[in-house]
Amino acid sequence: MEAIVRRQKKAAGSLEKSIELDNTFHLTLVGMAGSEIMLRIVERVNDILSESRAKALQSHTRLNRAINGHIRILEALQQNDRELDSKAMEEHLNTIEEVVLGNKNTELSEKKKP
């Protein structure tokens, strides 16, 4: 996984390669859990999210946020602390949700205001 993150950093200028490595990171992470069902689910989710992932990773800031999330997950895994693992993964998902849905959530909340 460290090699994937290193390759992500080097590929920051290539959107296509960045998306490929992002998918690889997620599939490798799920593969470590050893659940064939979860692996298939993540593969399908990757297919579904490919367009939004491309939009999310288009800026260097967003790409760096994703890579930093992967680094925190990797560091947590290396400490072998399930609570820390869970927290790092949750933070990463929240960050990506904010990046992908940020504008939509802002628009929705503004529509709800009287």
N, C-alpha and C. Protein backbone atom coordinates (compact mmCIF):
# COMPACT_ATOMS: atom_id res chain seq x y z
N MET A 1 0.82 -1.18 0.00
CA MET A 1 0.00 0.00 0.00
C MET A 1 0.87 1.25 0.00
N GLU A 2 2.02 1.16 0.64
CA GLU A 2 2.93 2.30 0.63
C GLU A 2 3.34 2.63 -0.79
N ALA A 3 3.59 1.60 -1.58
CA ALA A 3 3.99 1.82 -2.98
C ALA A 3 2.87 2.50 -3.76
N ILE A 4 1.64 2.14 -3.47
CA ILE A 4 0.51 2.77 -4.16
C ILE A 4 0.46 4.25 -3.84
N VAL A 5 0.62 4.59 -2.57
CA VAL A 5 0.59 6.00 -2.15
C VAL A 5 1.75 6.77 -2.78
N ARG A 6 2.94 6.16 -2.83
CA ARG A 6 4.08 6.82 -3.48
C ARG A 6 3.79 7.07 -4.95
N ARG A 7 3.19 6.07 -5.61
CA ARG A 7 2.83 6.23 -7.02
C ARG A 7 1.75 7.29 -7.20
N GLN A 8 0.82 7.40 -6.24
CA GLN A 8 -0.21 8.43 -6.31
C GLN A 8 0.42 9.82 -6.29
N LYS A 9 1.39 10.00 -5.41
CA LYS A 9 2.06 11.30 -5.31
C LYS A 9 2.75 11.67 -6.63
N LYS A 10 3.41 10.68 -7.23
CA LYS A 10 4.12 10.92 -8.49
C LYS A 10 3.16 11.16 -9.65
N ALA A 11 1.98 10.57 -9.59
CA ALA A 11 1.02 10.65 -10.70
C ALA A 11 0.07 11.83 -10.58
N ALA A 12 0.35 12.73 -9.65
CA ALA A 12 -0.57 13.84 -9.39
C ALA A 12 -0.90 14.67 -10.63
N GLY A 13 -0.05 14.67 -11.63
CA GLY A 13 -0.31 15.44 -12.84
C GLY A 13 -1.18 14.73 -13.85
N SER A 14 -1.45 13.46 -13.64
CA SER A 14 -2.24 12.68 -14.59
C SER A 14 -3.54 12.23 -13.94
N LEU A 15 -4.65 12.82 -14.39
CA LEU A 15 -5.95 12.50 -13.81
C LEU A 15 -6.28 11.02 -13.98
N GLU A 16 -6.05 10.49 -15.17
CA GLU A 16 -6.37 9.09 -15.44
C GLU A 16 -5.58 8.15 -14.52
N LYS A 17 -4.29 8.40 -14.38
CA LYS A 17 -3.44 7.56 -13.53
C LYS A 17 -3.83 7.73 -12.06
N SER A 18 -4.18 8.96 -11.66
CA SER A 18 -4.59 9.21 -10.28
C SER A 18 -5.85 8.43 -9.93
N ILE A 19 -6.80 8.40 -10.84
CA ILE A 19 -8.04 7.65 -10.61
C ILE A 19 -7.76 6.16 -10.54
N GLU A 20 -6.91 5.68 -11.43
CA GLU A 20 -6.54 4.26 -11.43
C GLU A 20 -5.89 3.87 -10.09
N LEU A 21 -4.98 4.71 -9.60
CA LEU A 21 -4.30 4.41 -8.34
C LEU A 21 -5.23 4.56 -7.14
N ASP A 22 -6.18 5.49 -7.22
CA ASP A 22 -7.18 5.64 -6.17
C ASP A 22 -8.00 4.36 -6.07
N ASN A 23 -8.43 3.85 -7.21
CA ASN A 23 -9.17 2.58 -7.24
C ASN A 23 -8.32 1.45 -6.69
N THR A 24 -7.06 1.40 -7.09
CA THR A 24 -6.16 0.35 -6.62
C THR A 24 -6.00 0.40 -5.11
N PHE A 25 -5.85 1.61 -4.56
CA PHE A 25 -5.72 1.75 -3.11
C PHE A 25 -6.94 1.17 -2.41
N HIS A 26 -8.13 1.56 -2.86
CA HIS A 26 -9.36 1.10 -2.21
C HIS A 26 -9.54 -0.41 -2.35
N LEU A 27 -9.25 -0.94 -3.53
CA LEU A 27 -9.39 -2.39 -3.72
C LEU A 27 -8.37 -3.16 -2.88
N THR A 28 -7.17 -2.64 -2.77
CA THR A 28 -6.14 -3.29 -1.95
C THR A 28 -6.55 -3.28 -0.48
N LEU A 29 -7.06 -2.15 -0.03
CA LEU A 29 -7.51 -2.03 1.36
C LEU A 29 -8.62 -3.03 1.67
N VAL A 30 -9.59 -3.11 0.80
CA VAL A 30 -10.69 -4.06 1.01
C VAL A 30 -10.18 -5.49 0.89
N GLY A 31 -9.26 -5.72 -0.02
CA GLY A 31 -8.69 -7.06 -0.17
C GLY A 31 -7.99 -7.53 1.08
N MET A 32 -7.41 -6.60 1.84
CA MET A 32 -6.74 -6.96 3.09
C MET A 32 -7.74 -7.50 4.11
N ALA A 33 -8.99 -7.07 4.00
CA ALA A 33 -10.02 -7.54 4.94
C ALA A 33 -10.41 -8.99 4.64
N GLY A 34 -10.12 -9.45 3.43
CA GLY A 34 -10.37 -10.84 3.09
C GLY A 34 -11.82 -11.18 2.81
N SER A 35 -12.64 -10.21 2.51
CA SER A 35 -14.05 -10.46 2.23
C SER A 35 -14.31 -10.32 0.74
N GLU A 36 -14.59 -11.44 0.09
CA GLU A 36 -14.87 -11.44 -1.34
C GLU A 36 -16.11 -10.61 -1.66
N ILE A 37 -17.10 -10.67 -0.78
CA ILE A 37 -18.33 -9.89 -0.99
C ILE A 37 -18.01 -8.39 -0.96
N MET A 38 -17.26 -7.95 0.05
CA MET A 38 -16.91 -6.53 0.15
C MET A 38 -16.07 -6.09 -1.05
N LEU A 39 -15.20 -6.96 -1.51
CA LEU A 39 -14.37 -6.64 -2.67
C LEU A 39 -15.26 -6.41 -3.89
N ARG A 40 -16.24 -7.28 -4.10
CA ARG A 40 -17.15 -7.10 -5.24
C ARG A 40 -17.97 -5.82 -5.10
N ILE A 41 -18.39 -5.51 -3.88
CA ILE A 41 -19.16 -4.28 -3.66
C ILE A 41 -18.31 -3.07 -4.00
N VAL A 42 -17.08 -3.04 -3.52
CA VAL A 42 -16.20 -1.90 -3.78
C VAL A 42 -15.90 -1.78 -5.28
N GLU A 43 -15.73 -2.90 -5.95
CA GLU A 43 -15.51 -2.86 -7.40
C GLU A 43 -16.69 -2.20 -8.09
N ARG A 44 -17.90 -2.57 -7.69
CA ARG A 44 -19.11 -1.98 -8.30
C ARG A 44 -19.23 -0.50 -7.95
N VAL A 45 -18.95 -0.17 -6.71
CA VAL A 45 -19.01 1.24 -6.29
C VAL A 45 -17.99 2.05 -7.08
N ASN A 46 -16.79 1.50 -7.27
CA ASN A 46 -15.77 2.19 -8.07
C ASN A 46 -16.30 2.48 -9.47
N ASP A 47 -16.96 1.50 -10.07
CA ASP A 47 -17.53 1.69 -11.40
C ASP A 47 -18.57 2.82 -11.40
N ILE A 48 -19.42 2.80 -10.40
CA ILE A 48 -20.49 3.79 -10.30
C ILE A 48 -19.92 5.19 -10.05
N LEU A 49 -18.90 5.26 -9.22
CA LEU A 49 -18.35 6.56 -8.81
C LEU A 49 -17.25 7.10 -9.73
N SER A 50 -16.96 6.41 -10.80
CA SER A 50 -15.83 6.83 -11.63
C SER A 50 -15.98 8.27 -12.12
N GLU A 51 -17.18 8.68 -12.50
CA GLU A 51 -17.38 10.05 -12.99
C GLU A 51 -17.19 11.07 -11.87
N SER A 52 -17.80 10.80 -10.71
CA SER A 52 -17.65 11.76 -9.61
C SER A 52 -16.22 11.76 -9.08
N ARG A 53 -15.55 10.62 -9.13
CA ARG A 53 -14.15 10.57 -8.70
C ARG A 53 -13.29 11.42 -9.63
N ALA A 54 -13.59 11.37 -10.92
CA ALA A 54 -12.84 12.18 -11.88
C ALA A 54 -13.03 13.66 -11.56
N LYS A 55 -14.25 14.06 -11.25
CA LYS A 55 -14.51 15.46 -10.90
C LYS A 55 -13.81 15.82 -9.58
N ALA A 56 -13.85 14.91 -8.63
CA ALA A 56 -13.27 15.18 -7.31
C ALA A 56 -11.76 15.33 -7.36
N LEU A 57 -11.12 14.62 -8.28
CA LEU A 57 -9.66 14.62 -8.32
C LEU A 57 -9.09 15.59 -9.35
N GLN A 58 -9.94 16.43 -9.94
CA GLN A 58 -9.47 17.32 -10.99
C GLN A 58 -8.55 18.43 -10.49
N SER A 59 -8.69 18.87 -9.28
CA SER A 59 -7.79 19.91 -8.79
C SER A 59 -6.69 19.28 -7.94
N HIS A 60 -5.55 19.93 -7.93
CA HIS A 60 -4.43 19.42 -7.13
C HIS A 60 -4.77 19.43 -5.65
N THR A 61 -5.53 20.41 -5.21
CA THR A 61 -5.92 20.48 -3.79
C THR A 61 -6.76 19.28 -3.42
N ARG A 62 -7.74 18.97 -4.24
CA ARG A 62 -8.61 17.82 -3.96
C ARG A 62 -7.83 16.51 -4.02
N LEU A 63 -6.96 16.40 -5.02
CA LEU A 63 -6.15 15.20 -5.15
C LEU A 63 -5.25 15.03 -3.93
N ASN A 64 -4.65 16.12 -3.48
CA ASN A 64 -3.78 16.05 -2.29
C ASN A 64 -4.57 15.66 -1.05
N ARG A 65 -5.81 16.14 -0.94
CA ARG A 65 -6.64 15.76 0.21
C ARG A 65 -6.92 14.26 0.19
N ALA A 66 -7.18 13.72 -0.99
CA ALA A 66 -7.43 12.28 -1.10
C ALA A 66 -6.17 11.49 -0.74
N ILE A 67 -5.03 11.92 -1.26
CA ILE A 67 -3.77 11.22 -0.97
C ILE A 67 -3.44 11.32 0.51
N ASN A 68 -3.64 12.49 1.10
CA ASN A 68 -3.37 12.64 2.54
C ASN A 68 -4.27 11.73 3.36
N GLY A 69 -5.51 11.55 2.93
CA GLY A 69 -6.41 10.60 3.59
C GLY A 69 -5.86 9.19 3.51
N HIS A 70 -5.33 8.82 2.35
CA HIS A 70 -4.75 7.50 2.18
C HIS A 70 -3.52 7.33 3.08
N ILE A 71 -2.74 8.38 3.20
CA ILE A 71 -1.55 8.32 4.07
C ILE A 71 -1.98 8.10 5.52
N ARG A 72 -2.99 8.82 5.98
CA ARG A 72 -3.47 8.65 7.37
C ARG A 72 -4.01 7.23 7.59
N ILE A 73 -4.70 6.70 6.60
CA ILE A 73 -5.20 5.32 6.71
C ILE A 73 -4.02 4.36 6.81
N LEU A 74 -3.05 4.53 5.96
CA LEU A 74 -1.87 3.66 5.96
C LEU A 74 -1.13 3.75 7.29
N GLU A 75 -0.95 4.95 7.81
CA GLU A 75 -0.27 5.12 9.11
C GLU A 75 -1.07 4.45 10.23
N ALA A 76 -2.39 4.56 10.18
CA ALA A 76 -3.22 3.92 11.20
C ALA A 76 -3.10 2.41 11.12
N LEU A 77 -3.10 1.88 9.90
CA LEU A 77 -2.96 0.43 9.73
C LEU A 77 -1.62 -0.06 10.26
N GLN A 78 -0.58 0.72 10.05
CA GLN A 78 0.75 0.33 10.51
C GLN A 78 0.85 0.30 12.03
N GLN A 79 -0.01 1.08 12.69
CA GLN A 79 -0.02 1.09 14.16
C GLN A 79 -0.87 -0.05 14.72
N ASN A 80 -1.56 -0.76 13.82
CA ASN A 80 -2.37 -1.92 14.21
C ASN A 80 -3.39 -1.56 15.31
N ASP A 81 -4.05 -0.42 15.10
CA ASP A 81 -5.03 0.08 16.06
C ASP A 81 -6.37 0.21 15.34
N ARG A 82 -7.29 -0.70 15.63
CA ARG A 82 -8.57 -0.72 14.91
C ARG A 82 -9.36 0.57 15.07
N GLU A 83 -9.31 1.16 16.24
CA GLU A 83 -10.05 2.40 16.47
C GLU A 83 -9.46 3.52 15.60
N LEU A 84 -8.14 3.59 15.55
CA LEU A 84 -7.48 4.58 14.73
C LEU A 84 -7.73 4.33 13.24
N ASP A 85 -7.71 3.04 12.85
CA ASP A 85 -8.03 2.66 11.47
C ASP A 85 -9.40 3.18 11.08
N SER A 86 -10.36 2.90 11.93
CA SER A 86 -11.74 3.29 11.67
C SER A 86 -11.88 4.81 11.57
N LYS A 87 -11.22 5.51 12.47
CA LYS A 87 -11.29 6.97 12.48
C LYS A 87 -10.67 7.54 11.20
N ALA A 88 -9.52 7.02 10.79
CA ALA A 88 -8.86 7.51 9.58
C ALA A 88 -9.72 7.26 8.35
N MET A 89 -10.35 6.09 8.29
CA MET A 89 -11.20 5.78 7.14
C MET A 89 -12.44 6.65 7.12
N GLU A 90 -13.02 6.87 8.28
CA GLU A 90 -14.21 7.72 8.37
C GLU A 90 -13.88 9.16 7.97
N GLU A 91 -12.75 9.66 8.43
CA GLU A 91 -12.33 11.02 8.06
C GLU A 91 -12.12 11.13 6.55
N HIS A 92 -11.51 10.11 5.97
CA HIS A 92 -11.27 10.11 4.52
C HIS A 92 -12.60 10.12 3.76
N LEU A 93 -13.51 9.27 4.18
CA LEU A 93 -14.82 9.23 3.52
C LEU A 93 -15.56 10.56 3.67
N ASN A 94 -15.48 11.16 4.84
CA ASN A 94 -16.12 12.46 5.05
C ASN A 94 -15.50 13.54 4.17
N THR A 95 -14.19 13.52 4.03
CA THR A 95 -13.50 14.49 3.18
C THR A 95 -13.93 14.33 1.73
N ILE A 96 -13.96 13.08 1.27
CA ILE A 96 -14.34 12.83 -0.12
C ILE A 96 -15.80 13.20 -0.34
N GLU A 97 -16.64 12.89 0.62
CA GLU A 97 -18.05 13.27 0.51
C GLU A 97 -18.17 14.79 0.40
N GLU A 98 -17.41 15.49 1.20
CA GLU A 98 -17.44 16.96 1.16
C GLU A 98 -16.99 17.47 -0.20
N VAL A 99 -15.94 16.86 -0.75
CA VAL A 99 -15.42 17.28 -2.05
C VAL A 99 -16.43 16.99 -3.15
N VAL A 100 -16.99 15.78 -3.15
CA VAL A 100 -17.89 15.37 -4.21
C VAL A 100 -19.25 16.03 -4.08
N LEU A 101 -19.77 16.09 -2.87
CA LEU A 101 -21.12 16.59 -2.67
C LEU A 101 -21.17 18.00 -2.09
N GLY A 102 -20.02 18.57 -1.81
CA GLY A 102 -19.96 19.86 -1.14
C GLY A 102 -20.88 20.91 -1.73
N ASN A 103 -20.78 21.12 -3.01
CA ASN A 103 -21.63 22.13 -3.65
C ASN A 103 -23.09 21.74 -3.60
N LYS A 104 -23.38 20.47 -3.79
CA LYS A 104 -24.77 20.03 -3.76
C LYS A 104 -25.36 20.20 -2.37
N ASN A 105 -24.58 19.85 -1.33
CA ASN A 105 -25.07 20.01 0.03
C ASN A 105 -25.30 21.47 0.37
N THR A 106 -24.41 22.34 -0.10
CA THR A 106 -24.56 23.77 0.13
C THR A 106 -25.82 24.27 -0.55
N GLU A 107 -26.04 23.86 -1.79
CA GLU A 107 -27.23 24.28 -2.53
C GLU A 107 -28.50 23.80 -1.85
N LEU A 108 -28.49 22.55 -1.38
CA LEU A 108 -29.68 22.00 -0.72
C LEU A 108 -29.97 22.74 0.58
N SER A 109 -28.92 23.02 1.36
CA SER A 109 -29.16 23.70 2.63
C SER A 109 -29.66 25.12 2.42
N GLU A 110 -29.19 25.76 1.35
CA GLU A 110 -29.66 27.12 1.06
C GLU A 110 -31.12 27.10 0.61
N LYS A 111 -31.53 26.07 -0.11
CA LYS A 111 -32.92 25.96 -0.56
C LYS A 111 -33.87 25.76 0.62
N LYS A 112 -33.40 25.12 1.68
CA LYS A 112 -34.24 24.85 2.84
C LYS A 112 -34.46 26.09 3.69
N LYS A 113 -33.58 27.09 3.56
CA LYS A 113 -33.70 28.30 4.38
C LYS A 113 -34.94 29.08 3.94
N PRO A 114 -35.70 29.64 4.93
CA PRO A 114 -36.90 30.41 4.57
C PRO A 114 -36.57 31.74 3.92
